[in-house]
Amino acid sequence: MTDAVGVNRRRVKGRDAGSVGAAACAWAGGRESPLPCVNGVQKNPPMTSAIRHVTIDSSDAYALGAFWSEVLGQPLHEDDKPGDEEALIEGAGMLFVTVPETKSRKNRIHFDLQPQDRTREQEVERLLALGATLVDDRRKPDGTGWAVLADPEGNEFCVERSAEERAAG
């Protein structure tokens, strides 16, 4: 678990890593961690490479980019126009590219969305109105769970509870 200042606080045998000294910097199985360790707390080293974009193949880059632009409330790049082979949501680091192949299987990676200003149910309704489809409903009567949706090209994503809903229990 990484805290607000980027410190990785691992739990060791049920105890907080910060309270168990050097043993907290060992990985499972007793292997020593290659990460820097200060007073039993691992510090994450600087990244050697940064992810610039998550690139999403599509049959219509602009149309799919426009859908996700509405989902996230982030604009497409000002240079993007209908028919372009690429579309960028710079603020979200999402690049859509037109490819000849269609989606043929379940995604190996997907987005988990957390509503920022509404409930999960309100967000699911909003996304369905934008053109998403409900693929699998994992919401439970006690309020936990999530909804699996697909964008207009069939790419699955999940909608989880908002932070406020999580805090309420």
Protein backbone atom coordinates (compact mmCIF):
# COMPACT_ATOMS: atom_id res chain seq x y z
CA MET A 1 0.00 0.00 0.00
CA THR A 2 1.46 3.39 -0.95
CA ASP A 3 0.64 6.38 1.22
CA ALA A 4 0.14 10.00 0.16
CA VAL A 5 3.87 10.72 0.00
CA GLY A 6 4.77 7.72 -2.13
CA VAL A 7 6.01 5.45 0.66
CA ASN A 8 5.21 1.79 0.20
CA ARG A 9 4.10 0.47 3.60
CA ARG A 10 4.06 -3.30 3.37
CA ARG A 11 2.32 -5.40 6.00
CA VAL A 12 4.42 -8.18 7.49
CA LYS A 13 2.60 -11.01 9.26
CA GLY A 14 -0.36 -8.76 10.13
CA ARG A 15 1.71 -5.88 11.51
CA ASP A 16 2.30 -2.45 10.00
CA ALA A 17 5.66 -2.43 8.24
CA GLY A 18 6.69 0.79 9.97
CA SER A 19 6.55 -0.92 13.36
CA VAL A 20 8.63 -4.01 12.72
CA GLY A 21 12.04 -2.61 11.72
CA ALA A 22 14.19 -4.08 8.97
CA ALA A 23 12.06 -7.22 8.66
CA ALA A 24 9.40 -5.07 7.00
CA CYS A 25 11.62 -4.70 3.95
CA ALA A 26 11.58 -8.40 3.20
CA TRP A 27 9.32 -9.75 0.48
CA ALA A 28 7.12 -12.80 0.83
CA GLY A 29 9.13 -15.97 1.20
CA GLY A 30 11.85 -14.12 3.11
CA ARG A 31 13.55 -12.63 0.03
CA GLU A 32 15.14 -9.27 0.66
CA SER A 33 13.53 -6.36 -1.15
CA PRO A 34 15.69 -4.54 -3.74
CA LEU A 35 13.83 -1.30 -2.87
CA PRO A 36 15.45 1.25 -0.54
CA CYS A 37 14.45 0.67 3.08
CA VAL A 38 14.54 3.37 5.78
CA ASN A 39 13.42 2.50 9.32
CA GLY A 40 11.42 -0.46 8.10
CA VAL A 41 9.62 1.51 5.37
CA GLN A 42 10.24 0.90 1.68
CA LYS A 43 10.61 3.99 -0.47
CA ASN A 44 9.58 3.72 -4.09
CA PRO A 45 12.47 4.59 -6.42
CA PRO A 46 11.92 6.97 -9.34
CA MET A 47 10.32 5.33 -12.38
CA THR A 48 12.72 4.43 -15.17
CA SER A 49 9.98 4.88 -17.77
CA ALA A 50 6.66 6.67 -17.57
CA ILE A 51 3.45 5.64 -19.29
CA ARG A 52 2.70 8.49 -21.69
CA HIS A 53 -0.59 7.15 -23.07
CA VAL A 54 -2.82 4.16 -22.80
CA THR A 55 -3.45 3.40 -26.48
CA ILE A 56 -6.77 1.88 -27.45
CA ASP A 57 -7.31 0.29 -30.85
CA SER A 58 -10.66 1.12 -32.43
CA SER A 59 -12.57 1.02 -35.68
CA ASP A 60 -13.27 4.79 -35.40
CA ALA A 61 -10.74 6.59 -33.21
CA TYR A 62 -12.60 9.89 -33.17
CA ALA A 63 -16.00 8.38 -32.28
CA LEU A 64 -14.59 6.21 -29.49
CA GLY A 65 -12.46 9.10 -28.24
CA ALA A 66 -15.57 11.31 -28.19
CA PHE A 67 -17.44 8.70 -26.10
CA TRP A 68 -14.61 8.51 -23.55
CA SER A 69 -14.31 12.31 -23.59
CA GLU A 70 -17.91 12.47 -22.37
CA VAL A 71 -17.35 9.67 -19.84
CA LEU A 72 -14.39 11.43 -18.26
CA GLY A 73 -15.44 15.03 -18.75
CA GLN A 74 -12.12 15.67 -20.52
CA PRO A 75 -11.91 17.20 -24.01
CA LEU A 76 -10.46 15.62 -27.08
CA HIS A 77 -7.33 17.39 -28.32
CA GLU A 78 -8.23 20.55 -30.23
CA ASP A 79 -6.65 19.19 -33.44
CA ASP A 80 -8.80 16.02 -33.49
CA LYS A 81 -11.59 15.90 -36.07
CA PRO A 82 -14.09 13.24 -37.24
CA GLY A 83 -12.37 10.81 -39.58
CA ASP A 84 -8.91 11.26 -38.03
CA GLU A 85 -7.00 8.03 -37.50
CA GLU A 86 -5.97 9.13 -34.01
CA ALA A 87 -7.76 10.95 -31.21
CA LEU A 88 -6.23 12.04 -27.92
CA ILE A 89 -7.68 12.84 -24.51
CA GLU A 90 -4.55 14.49 -23.25
CA GLY A 91 -5.77 15.10 -19.70
CA ALA A 92 -6.46 11.38 -19.25
CA GLY A 93 -3.48 10.09 -21.23
CA MET A 94 -5.74 8.10 -23.56
CA LEU A 95 -4.87 7.75 -27.25
CA PHE A 96 -7.35 6.14 -29.64
CA VAL A 97 -6.07 4.78 -32.96
CA THR A 98 -8.02 3.40 -35.91
CA VAL A 99 -7.01 -0.16 -36.83
CA PRO A 100 -8.49 -2.56 -39.39
CA GLU A 101 -9.08 -5.41 -36.90
CA THR A 102 -12.15 -5.55 -34.70
CA LYS A 103 -12.19 -6.50 -31.04
CA SER A 104 -12.43 -10.27 -30.79
CA ARG A 105 -11.92 -11.22 -27.12
CA LYS A 106 -12.28 -10.02 -23.57
CA ASN A 107 -9.89 -7.22 -22.65
CA ARG A 108 -6.71 -8.21 -20.83
CA ILE A 109 -6.68 -4.81 -19.16
CA HIS A 110 -9.60 -2.52 -18.33
CA PHE A 111 -10.49 0.69 -16.55
CA ASP A 112 -12.15 0.81 -13.13
CA LEU A 113 -14.07 4.07 -12.90
CA GLN A 114 -14.97 5.71 -9.60
CA PRO A 115 -17.60 8.47 -9.82
CA GLN A 116 -16.40 11.77 -8.38
CA ASP A 117 -19.63 13.72 -8.01
CA ARG A 118 -22.43 11.15 -8.05
CA THR A 119 -23.29 7.65 -6.89
CA ARG A 120 -22.34 4.49 -8.72
CA GLU A 121 -25.95 3.98 -9.79
CA GLN A 122 -26.22 7.53 -11.14
CA GLU A 123 -22.96 7.06 -13.04
CA VAL A 124 -24.07 3.75 -14.54
CA GLU A 125 -27.30 5.40 -15.76
CA ARG A 126 -25.34 8.32 -17.23
CA LEU A 127 -22.93 5.99 -19.05
CA LEU A 128 -25.76 3.86 -20.43
CA ALA A 129 -27.36 7.05 -21.80
CA LEU A 130 -24.02 7.92 -23.48
CA GLY A 131 -24.03 4.59 -25.34
CA ALA A 132 -22.40 2.09 -22.99
CA THR A 133 -24.01 -1.34 -22.48
CA LEU A 134 -24.33 -3.33 -19.27
CA VAL A 135 -22.28 -6.53 -19.62
CA ASP A 136 -22.38 -7.94 -16.09
CA ASP A 137 -24.05 -6.60 -12.96
CA ARG A 138 -21.94 -7.42 -9.89
CA ARG A 139 -23.72 -4.93 -7.60
CA LYS A 140 -24.92 -6.53 -4.36
CA PRO A 141 -27.96 -5.68 -2.21
CA ASP A 142 -25.67 -4.40 0.57
CA GLY A 143 -24.27 -1.73 -1.79
CA THR A 144 -20.92 -3.37 -2.50
CA GLY A 145 -19.81 -4.68 -5.86
CA TRP A 146 -19.53 -3.05 -9.27
CA ALA A 147 -21.09 -2.90 -12.71
CA VAL A 148 -19.27 -4.13 -15.81
CA LEU A 149 -20.09 -2.04 -18.86
CA ALA A 150 -18.78 -1.93 -22.42
CA ASP A 151 -18.08 1.14 -24.54
CA PRO A 152 -19.59 1.40 -28.04
CA GLU A 153 -16.83 -0.82 -29.47
CA GLY A 154 -17.20 -3.51 -26.81
CA ASN A 155 -14.26 -2.64 -24.53
CA GLU A 156 -15.21 -3.63 -20.99
CA PHE A 157 -14.81 -1.31 -18.01
CA CYS A 158 -16.11 -1.31 -14.45
CA VAL A 159 -17.96 1.29 -12.41
CA GLU A 160 -17.24 1.09 -8.70
CA ARG A 161 -18.76 2.94 -5.76
CA SER A 162 -17.80 6.57 -5.19
CA ALA A 163 -15.44 7.44 -2.35
CA GLU A 164 -18.41 8.83 -0.42
CA GLU A 165 -20.32 5.55 -0.84
CA ARG A 166 -17.26 3.56 0.29
CA ALA A 167 -16.84 5.74 3.37
CA ALA A 168 -20.49 5.26 4.30
CA GLY A 169 -19.98 1.52 4.39
